[in-house]
Amino acid sequence: MPEQFDEGVVQNQLRYSGMLEMVKIRRAGFPVRRPFQEFYLRYKMLLKNCNIPEDGKERCTTLLKLYDDCNSHWRLGRSKVSALTHYS
């Protein structure tokens, strides 16, 4: 029926699509989200004299810890870097 929703179904759709997690991340103050490869390609020049891991997530971790080792301005998800706006 148009304009009628099953609340349980909608909640499951939001949860499984990752929408609820995205809202939590953005509310926590991490509005910038970039896939690992995109983030790495954008900032790889900062790793010129470093050992660069093969894994995309590890590459981003190495890069981020090099400049912010307290992990206060970024988080890593399964496939993306979430960061505060000054990392955009």
Protein backbone atom coordinates (compact mmCIF):
# COMPACT_ATOMS: atom_id res chain seq x y z
CA MET A 1 0.00 0.00 0.00
CA PRO A 2 1.36 3.42 -0.88
CA GLU A 3 2.68 5.62 1.92
CA GLN A 4 2.49 2.86 4.53
CA PHE A 5 5.65 1.45 6.09
CA ASP A 6 6.43 -1.59 8.16
CA GLU A 7 8.71 -0.08 10.80
CA GLY A 8 10.63 -3.31 11.39
CA VAL A 9 11.33 -3.81 7.69
CA VAL A 10 12.50 -0.20 7.27
CA GLN A 11 14.81 -0.48 10.31
CA ASN A 12 16.34 -3.67 8.91
CA GLN A 13 16.86 -2.03 5.52
CA LEU A 14 18.60 0.94 7.14
CA ARG A 15 20.76 -1.30 9.31
CA TYR A 16 21.83 -3.69 6.54
CA SER A 17 22.52 -0.89 4.05
CA GLY A 18 24.95 0.72 6.51
CA MET A 19 22.89 3.90 6.77
CA LEU A 20 22.59 3.78 10.57
CA GLU A 21 26.35 3.29 10.97
CA MET A 22 27.02 6.20 8.62
CA VAL A 23 24.77 8.46 10.68
CA LYS A 24 26.62 7.45 13.87
CA ILE A 25 29.99 8.20 12.26
CA ARG A 26 28.87 11.60 11.02
CA ARG A 27 27.31 12.50 14.36
CA ALA A 28 30.62 11.65 16.01
CA GLY A 29 32.19 14.39 13.89
CA PHE A 30 33.76 12.38 11.07
CA PRO A 31 32.00 13.70 7.95
CA VAL A 32 34.73 12.84 5.44
CA ARG A 33 34.59 9.27 4.14
CA ARG A 34 36.92 8.07 1.41
CA PRO A 35 37.61 4.54 0.14
CA PHE A 36 41.09 3.33 1.11
CA GLN A 37 42.43 3.42 -2.45
CA GLU A 38 41.14 6.94 -3.10
CA PHE A 39 42.56 8.21 0.20
CA TYR A 40 45.92 6.55 -0.45
CA LEU A 41 46.19 7.90 -4.01
CA ARG A 42 45.43 11.40 -2.77
CA TYR A 43 48.11 11.40 -0.04
CA LYS A 44 50.68 8.81 -1.16
CA MET A 45 53.31 11.46 -1.87
CA LEU A 46 53.64 11.87 1.90
CA LEU A 47 55.01 8.30 2.13
CA LYS A 48 57.94 8.71 -0.27
CA ASN A 49 60.63 7.42 2.11
CA CYS A 50 58.53 4.87 3.99
CA ASN A 51 57.92 1.15 3.72
CA ILE A 52 54.52 0.96 2.04
CA PRO A 53 52.33 -2.04 2.92
CA GLU A 54 50.50 -3.92 0.16
CA ASP A 55 47.12 -3.89 1.92
CA GLY A 56 45.01 -0.75 1.32
CA LYS A 57 43.85 -0.49 4.90
CA GLU A 58 47.42 -0.85 6.19
CA ARG A 59 48.62 1.80 3.75
CA CYS A 60 46.09 4.25 5.13
CA THR A 61 46.96 3.30 8.71
CA THR A 62 50.66 3.91 8.03
CA LEU A 63 49.95 7.25 6.43
CA LEU A 64 47.58 8.45 9.13
CA LYS A 65 49.74 7.32 12.06
CA LEU A 66 52.72 9.09 10.52
CA TYR A 67 50.93 12.43 10.94
CA ASP A 68 48.38 11.74 13.69
CA ASP A 69 49.51 8.85 15.88
CA CYS A 70 46.93 9.49 18.60
CA ASN A 71 44.10 8.37 16.28
CA SER A 72 41.94 11.29 17.40
CA HIS A 73 40.99 12.71 14.02
CA TRP A 74 40.32 9.57 11.98
CA ARG A 75 38.83 6.10 12.08
CA LEU A 76 39.12 3.15 9.71
CA GLY A 77 36.10 1.16 8.66
CA ARG A 78 35.96 -2.00 6.58
CA SER A 79 36.58 -0.16 3.33
CA LYS A 80 36.85 3.57 4.07
CA VAL A 81 38.74 6.17 6.05
CA SER A 82 36.48 8.41 8.13
CA ALA A 83 38.12 11.67 9.06
CA LEU A 84 37.46 15.12 10.38
CA THR A 85 36.96 17.81 7.77
CA HIS A 86 40.56 19.03 7.73
CA TYR A 87 41.57 15.71 6.10
CA SER A 88 39.29 16.34 3.16
